[in-house]
C-alpha atoms as a PDB file:
ATOM      1  CA  MET A   1     -12.622  27.443   7.497  1.00  0.00           C
ATOM      2  CA  ILE A   2     -10.862  27.690  10.474  1.00  0.00           C
ATOM      3  CA  ILE A   3      -6.716  28.030  10.045  1.00  0.00           C
ATOM      4  CA  GLY A   4      -4.334  28.715  12.574  1.00  0.00           C
ATOM      5  CA  ASP A   5      -1.743  30.305   9.080  1.00  0.00           C
ATOM      6  CA  MET A   6      -0.415  29.173   5.738  1.00  0.00           C
ATOM      7  CA  ILE A   7       3.057  29.100   5.175  1.00  0.00           C
ATOM      8  CA  ILE A   8       5.890  28.117   2.280  1.00  0.00           C
ATOM      9  CA  SER A   9       7.885  25.559   2.901  1.00  0.00           C
ATOM     10  CA  SER A  10       9.748  23.441   1.971  1.00  0.00           C
ATOM     11  CA  LEU A  11      10.026  20.829   4.904  1.00  0.00           C
ATOM     12  CA  GLU A  12       6.261  19.442   4.730  1.00  0.00           C
ATOM     13  CA  PHE A  13       6.201  17.795   1.644  1.00  0.00           C
ATOM     14  CA  PRO A  14       9.756  15.786   1.081  1.00  0.00           C
ATOM     15  CA  GLY A  15      11.142  16.801  -2.378  1.00  0.00           C
ATOM     16  CA  LYS A  16       8.468  19.749  -2.763  1.00  0.00           C
ATOM     17  CA  VAL A  17       8.355  23.041  -1.776  1.00  0.00           C
ATOM     18  CA  SER A  18       4.192  23.176  -0.669  1.00  0.00           C
ATOM     19  CA  LEU A  19       1.981  25.678   0.220  1.00  0.00           C
ATOM     20  CA  VAL A  20       1.059  24.361   3.844  1.00  0.00           C
ATOM     21  CA  ILE A  21      -2.411  24.988   5.665  1.00  0.00           C
ATOM     22  CA  PHE A  22      -2.787  24.602   8.719  1.00  0.00           C
ATOM     23  CA  THR A  23      -5.918  24.018  10.148  1.00  0.00           C
ATOM     24  CA  GLY A  24      -7.470  25.203  13.663  1.00  0.00           C
ATOM     25  CA  GLY A  25      -8.957  22.687  16.276  1.00  0.00           C
ATOM     26  CA  CYS A  26      -9.232  19.308  17.138  1.00  0.00           C
ATOM     27  CA  ILE A  27     -10.751  16.735  18.697  1.00  0.00           C
ATOM     28  CA  LEU A  28      -7.777  14.538  20.649  1.00  0.00           C
ATOM     29  CA  LYS A  29      -5.969  16.328  23.504  1.00  0.00           C
ATOM     30  CA  CYS A  30      -2.210  15.308  23.243  1.00  0.00           C
ATOM     31  CA  PRO A  31       0.102  16.477  26.129  1.00  0.00           C
ATOM     32  CA  TYR A  32       2.924  16.211  24.023  1.00  0.00           C
ATOM     33  CA  CYS A  33       1.078  18.512  20.940  1.00  0.00           C
ATOM     34  CA  HIS A  34       3.607  20.752  19.723  1.00  0.00           C
ATOM     35  CA  ASN A  35       0.488  22.834  17.913  1.00  0.00           C
ATOM     36  CA  PRO A  36      -1.135  23.805  21.004  1.00  0.00           C
ATOM     37  CA  GLU A  37      -2.269  27.015  20.018  1.00  0.00           C
ATOM     38  CA  ILE A  38      -4.174  25.734  17.771  1.00  0.00           C
ATOM     39  CA  VAL A  39      -6.138  23.028  19.423  1.00  0.00           C
ATOM     40  CA  ASP A  40      -9.034  24.746  20.243  1.00  0.00           C
ATOM     41  CA  GLY A  41      -9.423  26.702  16.749  1.00  0.00           C
ATOM     42  CA  GLY A  42      -7.799  29.570  15.133  1.00  0.00           C
ATOM     43  CA  LYS A  43      -8.646  32.291  13.393  1.00  0.00           C
ATOM     44  CA  SER A  44     -11.637  32.502  10.273  1.00  0.00           C
ATOM     45  CA  VAL A  45     -10.585  32.629   6.507  1.00  0.00           C
ATOM     46  CA  LYS A  46     -12.731  32.995   3.673  1.00  0.00           C
ATOM     47  CA  LYS A  47     -11.810  30.042   1.363  1.00  0.00           C
ATOM     48  CA  ASP A  48     -11.065  32.147  -1.430  1.00  0.00           C
ATOM     49  CA  LYS A  49      -8.739  34.264   0.350  1.00  0.00           C
ATOM     50  CA  ILE A  50      -7.185  30.860   0.079  1.00  0.00           C
ATOM     51  CA  ILE A  51      -7.498  29.623  -2.668  1.00  0.00           C
ATOM     52  CA  LYS A  52      -5.874  33.581  -3.486  1.00  0.00           C
ATOM     53  CA  LYS A  53      -2.141  32.242  -1.394  1.00  0.00           C
ATOM     54  CA  ILE A  54      -2.139  28.870  -4.018  1.00  0.00           C
ATOM     55  CA  ASP A  55      -3.071  31.291  -6.785  1.00  0.00           C
ATOM     56  CA  ASN A  56      -0.363  33.966  -6.623  1.00  0.00           C
ATOM     57  CA  SER A  57       1.704  31.251  -5.400  1.00  0.00           C
ATOM     58  CA  ILE A  58       1.308  28.841  -8.002  1.00  0.00           C
ATOM     59  CA  GLU A  59       4.504  29.943  -9.703  1.00  0.00           C
ATOM     60  CA  PHE A  60       7.027  28.753  -6.643  1.00  0.00           C
ATOM     61  CA  ILE A  61       5.064  25.510  -6.143  1.00  0.00           C
ATOM     62  CA  ASP A  62       4.881  22.451  -6.174  1.00  0.00           C
ATOM     63  CA  GLY A  63       2.325  21.572  -4.165  1.00  0.00           C
ATOM     64  CA  VAL A  64      -0.162  22.055  -1.034  1.00  0.00           C
ATOM     65  CA  VAL A  65      -0.390  20.872   2.701  1.00  0.00           C
ATOM     66  CA  ILE A  66      -3.166  21.024   4.934  1.00  0.00           C
ATOM     67  CA  THR A  67      -2.216  20.414   8.118  1.00  0.00           C
ATOM     68  CA  GLY A  68      -3.261  20.990  11.699  1.00  0.00           C
ATOM     69  CA  GLY A  69      -5.108  20.522  14.522  1.00  0.00           C
ATOM     70  CA  GLU A  70      -7.283  18.343  12.641  1.00  0.00           C
ATOM     71  CA  PRO A  71      -7.747  18.513   8.855  1.00  0.00           C
ATOM     72  CA  LEU A  72     -10.480  16.355   8.182  1.00  0.00           C
ATOM     73  CA  ILE A  73     -13.033  18.038  11.302  1.00  0.00           C
ATOM     74  CA  GLN A  74     -12.949  20.413   8.039  1.00  0.00           C
ATOM     75  CA  HIS A  75     -13.750  17.757   5.704  1.00  0.00           C
ATOM     76  CA  GLU A  76     -16.055  18.807   3.313  1.00  0.00           C
ATOM     77  CA  ASP A  77     -13.979  22.794   3.292  1.00  0.00           C
ATOM     78  CA  VAL A  78      -9.993  20.816   2.989  1.00  0.00           C
ATOM     79  CA  LYS A  79     -11.832  18.969   0.280  1.00  0.00           C
ATOM     80  CA  TYR A  80     -12.594  22.014  -1.235  1.00  0.00           C
ATOM     81  CA  ILE A  81      -9.781  23.855  -0.923  1.00  0.00           C
ATOM     82  CA  PHE A  82      -7.402  20.141  -2.769  1.00  0.00           C
ATOM     83  CA  LYS A  83      -9.885  19.814  -5.490  1.00  0.00           C
ATOM     84  CA  TYR A  84      -8.490  22.730  -6.452  1.00  0.00           C
ATOM     85  CA  SER A  85      -5.011  22.259  -6.315  1.00  0.00           C
ATOM     86  CA  LYS A  86      -5.220  19.379  -8.459  1.00  0.00           C
ATOM     87  CA  SER A  87      -7.486  21.101 -10.660  1.00  0.00           C
ATOM     88  CA  LYS A  88      -4.021  23.812 -10.922  1.00  0.00           C
ATOM     89  CA  GLY A  89      -1.755  20.204 -11.358  1.00  0.00           C
ATOM     90  CA  LEU A  90      -0.313  20.296  -7.978  1.00  0.00           C
ATOM     91  CA  LYS A  91       0.880  17.588  -5.921  1.00  0.00           C
ATOM     92  CA  THR A  92      -1.658  17.419  -2.360  1.00  0.00           C
ATOM     93  CA  LYS A  93      -0.281  15.828   0.982  1.00  0.00           C
ATOM     94  CA  LEU A  94      -2.947  15.648   4.213  1.00  0.00           C
ATOM     95  CA  ASP A  95      -1.869  16.028   7.700  1.00  0.00           C
ATOM     96  CA  THR A  96      -4.091  13.390   9.774  1.00  0.00           C
ATOM     97  CA  ASN A  97      -4.378  11.478  13.550  1.00  0.00           C
ATOM     98  CA  GLY A  98      -6.840   8.584  11.666  1.00  0.00           C
ATOM     99  CA  PHE A  99      -9.746   9.884  13.684  1.00  0.00           C
ATOM    100  CA  PHE A 100     -12.182  10.783  10.389  1.00  0.00           C
ATOM    101  CA  VAL A 101     -11.683   7.353   8.315  1.00  0.00           C
ATOM    102  CA  ASP A 102     -14.875   7.902   6.517  1.00  0.00           C
ATOM    103  CA  GLU A 103     -14.517  11.908   6.293  1.00  0.00           C
ATOM    104  CA  LEU A 104     -10.563  10.211   4.813  1.00  0.00           C
ATOM    105  CA  LYS A 105     -11.692   7.745   1.942  1.00  0.00           C
ATOM    106  CA  ASP A 106     -13.930  10.803   0.941  1.00  0.00           C
ATOM    107  CA  ILE A 107     -10.771  12.629  -0.762  1.00  0.00           C
ATOM    108  CA  MET A 108      -8.527   9.523  -1.087  1.00  0.00           C
ATOM    109  CA  GLU A 109      -9.314  10.288  -4.552  1.00  0.00           C
ATOM    110  CA  LEU A 110      -7.586  14.205  -4.489  1.00  0.00           C
ATOM    111  CA  LEU A 111      -4.527  12.801  -2.059  1.00  0.00           C
ATOM    112  CA  ASP A 112      -1.048  12.257  -3.245  1.00  0.00           C
ATOM    113  CA  TYR A 113       0.358  11.387   0.362  1.00  0.00           C
ATOM    114  CA  VAL A 114      -1.010  10.982   3.629  1.00  0.00           C
ATOM    115  CA  ALA A 115       1.295  11.295   6.767  1.00  0.00           C
ATOM    116  CA  LEU A 116      -0.768   9.679   9.064  1.00  0.00           C
ATOM    117  CA  ASP A 117       0.091   9.576  13.105  1.00  0.00           C
ATOM    118  CA  ILE A 118       0.668   6.618  14.841  1.00  0.00           C
ATOM    119  CA  LYS A 119       0.458   8.221  18.475  1.00  0.00           C
ATOM    120  CA  ALA A 120       0.990   4.306  20.531  1.00  0.00           C
ATOM    121  CA  PRO A 121       0.158   0.982  19.575  1.00  0.00           C
ATOM    122  CA  PHE A 122      -2.921   0.317  18.345  1.00  0.00           C
ATOM    123  CA  HIS A 123      -4.203  -0.972  21.615  1.00  0.00           C
ATOM    124  CA  GLU A 124      -2.250   1.435  24.249  1.00  0.00           C
ATOM    125  CA  TYR A 125      -3.635   4.407  22.674  1.00  0.00           C
ATOM    126  CA  GLU A 126      -5.912   5.600  26.289  1.00  0.00           C
ATOM    127  CA  LYS A 127      -3.326   4.721  28.091  1.00  0.00           C
ATOM    128  CA  ILE A 128      -0.341   6.938  26.251  1.00  0.00           C
ATOM    129  CA  ILE A 129      -2.743   9.561  24.888  1.00  0.00           C
ATOM    130  CA  GLY A 130      -5.766   9.639  26.757  1.00  0.00           C
ATOM    131  CA  SER A 131      -8.261   8.521  23.570  1.00  0.00           C
ATOM    132  CA  ALA A 132      -9.281   5.280  23.229  1.00  0.00           C
ATOM    133  CA  ILE A 133      -8.998   5.783  18.806  1.00  0.00           C
ATOM    134  CA  GLY A 134      -5.928   3.040  17.824  1.00  0.00           C
ATOM    135  CA  ASP A 135      -8.977   0.962  16.302  1.00  0.00           C
ATOM    136  CA  ARG A 136      -9.913   3.846  13.788  1.00  0.00           C
ATOM    137  CA  VAL A 137      -5.893   4.692  13.138  1.00  0.00           C
ATOM    138  CA  LYS A 138      -5.843   1.557  12.068  1.00  0.00           C
ATOM    139  CA  LYS A 139      -8.212   1.536   9.798  1.00  0.00           C
ATOM    140  CA  SER A 140      -7.435   4.738   8.251  1.00  0.00           C
ATOM    141  CA  MET A 141      -4.182   2.998   7.309  1.00  0.00           C
ATOM    142  CA  GLU A 142      -5.523   0.584   5.679  1.00  0.00           C
ATOM    143  CA  ALA A 143      -7.952   2.796   3.582  1.00  0.00           C
ATOM    144  CA  CYS A 144      -4.628   4.573   2.632  1.00  0.00           C
ATOM    145  CA  ILE A 145      -3.102   1.117   1.786  1.00  0.00           C
ATOM    146  CA  LYS A 146      -5.695  -0.478  -0.059  1.00  0.00           C
ATOM    147  CA  ALA A 147      -5.760   3.431  -2.242  1.00  0.00           C
ATOM    148  CA  ASP A 148      -2.942   2.801  -2.999  1.00  0.00           C
ATOM    149  CA  VAL A 149      -1.657   6.414  -1.576  1.00  0.00           C
ATOM    150  CA  TYR A 150       2.111   6.711  -0.554  1.00  0.00           C
ATOM    151  CA  LEU A 151       1.671   7.100   3.254  1.00  0.00           C
ATOM    152  CA  GLU A 152       3.854   7.395   5.538  1.00  0.00           C
ATOM    153  CA  CYS A 153       3.728   6.782   8.871  1.00  0.00           C
ATOM    154  CA  ARG A 154       5.179   8.344  12.101  1.00  0.00           C
ATOM    155  CA  THR A 155       5.351   8.826  16.217  1.00  0.00           C
ATOM    156  CA  THR A 156       6.457  11.366  18.004  1.00  0.00           C
ATOM    157  CA  PHE A 157       8.988   9.578  20.892  1.00  0.00           C
ATOM    158  CA  VAL A 158       8.183  10.812  24.368  1.00  0.00           C
ATOM    159  CA  PRO A 159      10.164   9.041  27.063  1.00  0.00           C
ATOM    160  CA  CYS A 160       8.299   9.483  29.772  1.00  0.00           C
ATOM    161  CA  LEU A 161       4.675   8.359  28.226  1.00  0.00           C
ATOM    162  CA  MET A 162       6.286   5.421  26.235  1.00  0.00           C
ATOM    163  CA  GLU A 163       9.282   2.876  25.677  1.00  0.00           C
ATOM    164  CA  ILE A 164      11.359   1.645  23.384  1.00  0.00           C
ATOM    165  CA  GLU A 165       9.538  -1.219  23.234  1.00  0.00           C
ATOM    166  CA  ASP A 166       5.877   0.782  21.917  1.00  0.00           C
ATOM    167  CA  ILE A 167       8.137   1.760  18.861  1.00  0.00           C
ATOM    168  CA  ILE A 168       8.933  -1.679  18.466  1.00  0.00           C
ATOM    169  CA  GLU A 169       5.097  -2.728  18.760  1.00  0.00           C
ATOM    170  CA  ILE A 170       4.275  -0.085  16.669  1.00  0.00           C
ATOM    171  CA  ALA A 171       6.735  -1.112  13.985  1.00  0.00           C
ATOM    172  CA  LYS A 172       5.254  -4.959  13.926  1.00  0.00           C
ATOM    173  CA  ASN A 173       2.091  -3.687  13.138  1.00  0.00           C
ATOM    174  CA  ILE A 174       2.046  -1.008  10.741  1.00  0.00           C
ATOM    175  CA  TYR A 175       1.831  -1.315   6.882  1.00  0.00           C
ATOM    176  CA  ALA A 176       3.712   1.791   5.301  1.00  0.00           C
ATOM    177  CA  ASP A 177       6.058   3.364   2.767  1.00  0.00           C
ATOM    178  CA  ALA A 178       8.275   5.352   4.493  1.00  0.00           C
ATOM    179  CA  TYR A 179       8.238   5.059   8.229  1.00  0.00           C
ATOM    180  CA  THR A 180       9.479   8.659  11.018  1.00  0.00           C
ATOM    181  CA  LEU A 181      10.417   8.427  14.468  1.00  0.00           C
ATOM    182  CA  GLN A 182       9.805  11.945  15.576  1.00  0.00           C
ATOM    183  CA  GLN A 183      12.167  13.353  19.122  1.00  0.00           C
ATOM    184  CA  PHE A 184      10.097  14.981  21.236  1.00  0.00           C
ATOM    185  CA  ARG A 185      10.488  19.078  22.413  1.00  0.00           C
ATOM    186  CA  ASP A 186       9.924  19.833  25.884  1.00  0.00           C
ATOM    187  CA  LYS A 187       9.556  23.791  24.809  1.00  0.00           C
ATOM    188  CA  ASN A 188       6.083  24.474  22.722  1.00  0.00           C
ATOM    189  CA  VAL A 189       3.559  21.256  24.359  1.00  0.00           C
ATOM    190  CA  LEU A 190       0.013  21.193  25.942  1.00  0.00           C
ATOM    191  CA  ASP A 191       0.516  19.709  28.912  1.00  0.00           C
ATOM    192  CA  GLN A 192       3.484  22.011  30.839  1.00  0.00           C
ATOM    193  CA  ASN A 193       3.887  19.363  32.857  1.00  0.00           C
ATOM    194  CA  LEU A 194       6.285  17.463  30.361  1.00  0.00           C
ATOM    195  CA  TYR A 195       8.611  20.267  30.880  1.00  0.00           C
ATOM    196  CA  GLY A 196      11.778  19.296  31.064  1.00  0.00           C
ATOM    197  CA  THR A 197      11.659  15.989  30.278  1.00  0.00           C
ATOM    198  CA  HIS A 198      14.377  13.762  28.656  1.00  0.00           C
ATOM    199  CA  ILE A 199      14.338  14.348  25.349  1.00  0.00           C
ATOM    200  CA  PRO A 200      15.543  11.370  22.769  1.00  0.00           C
ATOM    201  CA  THR A 201      19.438  12.030  22.182  1.00  0.00           C
ATOM    202  CA  ARG A 202      19.972  11.730  17.678  1.00  0.00           C
ATOM    203  CA  ASP A 203      21.635   8.300  18.973  1.00  0.00           C
ATOM    204  CA  GLU A 204      18.863   7.175  20.811  1.00  0.00           C
ATOM    205  CA  LEU A 205      16.166   7.769  18.044  1.00  0.00           C
ATOM    206  CA  ILE A 206      18.865   5.643  15.748  1.00  0.00           C
ATOM    207  CA  ASN A 207      19.362   2.910  18.377  1.00  0.00           C
ATOM    208  CA  ILE A 208      16.035   2.265  18.294  1.00  0.00           C
ATOM    209  CA  ALA A 209      15.318   2.908  14.488  1.00  0.00           C
ATOM    210  CA  GLU A 210      18.063  -0.070  13.846  1.00  0.00           C
ATOM    211  CA  ARG A 211      15.918  -2.211  16.159  1.00  0.00           C
ATOM    212  CA  ILE A 212      12.593  -1.734  13.898  1.00  0.00           C
ATOM    213  CA  LYS A 213      14.503  -2.148  10.871  1.00  0.00           C
ATOM    214  CA  PRO A 214      13.780  -5.948  10.381  1.00  0.00           C
ATOM    215  CA  PHE A 215       9.755  -4.222  10.393  1.00  0.00           C
ATOM    216  CA  LEU A 216       9.808  -1.525   7.965  1.00  0.00           C
ATOM    217  CA  LYS A 217      11.349  -0.974   4.012  1.00  0.00           C
ATOM    218  CA  ARG A 218      12.273   2.438   4.511  1.00  0.00           C
ATOM    219  CA  ILE A 219      13.179   4.828   7.870  1.00  0.00           C
ATOM    220  CA  LYS A 220      13.619   7.897   9.027  1.00  0.00           C
ATOM    221  CA  ILE A 221      14.148  10.504  12.354  1.00  0.00           C
ATOM    222  CA  LYS A 222      13.863  13.391  12.502  1.00  0.00           C
ATOM    223  CA  THR A 223      15.539  16.127  15.213  1.00  0.00           C
ATOM    224  CA  ALA A 224      15.404  19.345  15.946  1.00  0.00           C
ATOM    225  CA  GLU A 225      19.717  19.305  15.416  1.00  0.00           C
ATOM    226  CA  PHE A 226      19.731  17.595  12.228  1.00  0.00           C
ATOM    227  CA  GLY A 227      16.470  17.342  10.403  1.00  0.00           C
ATOM    228  CA  GLU A 228      15.547  14.274   9.227  1.00  0.00           C
ATOM    229  CA  GLU A 229      17.638  11.306   7.809  1.00  0.00           C
ATOM    230  CA  ILE A 230      17.150   8.730   6.024  1.00  0.00           C
ATOM    231  CA  ILE A 231      18.400   5.085   8.107  1.00  0.00           C
ATOM    232  CA  LYS A 232      20.000   3.059   6.213  1.00  0.00           C
END
């Protein structure tokens, strides 16, 4: 399995301490990607080593998170890890960009939680990130809803690439248990032309969140300064 790293964290799975596996490789090249070092791959690790890490951490963790990169590039390996995790009574969470619809459906019964990136209004994907995958992402969202898995949709607000109206458009057209509006940071991004781009403030994100409250049942914002906050 190609991974970037493995860490234990209390941040990636709300309310739980989890082993977080960062998979290498992604089919997208989002300019603002905050894990650019693993977009083109990572290090090869035998699945047995990952299983051993789960076993060695079992007394300290509540769940396993597989994130990326894009995990479902390695669909069969991800399925193997999640199946083992469930056999040990652990909760499971997948972070995905929504491109691999069939692969997501195939492992849905092994998932407790899906975090789905909504990078743009579905019809604006090519304009904003350069890849016209909006229809696939929408189908992934619909698959999660049909399966009744807990679904968090999340968007990174990048002022130079999108407008506030784009966030409103997203909010009107998604269905999720929670929606997280994330602060763009101009450090460690794939496209170095974004260095120096305006970083949205907490107050700016709160103001956007207030505007989309009529369309969503639970909204959070996430900033470097204050972490994750629920907008009530």
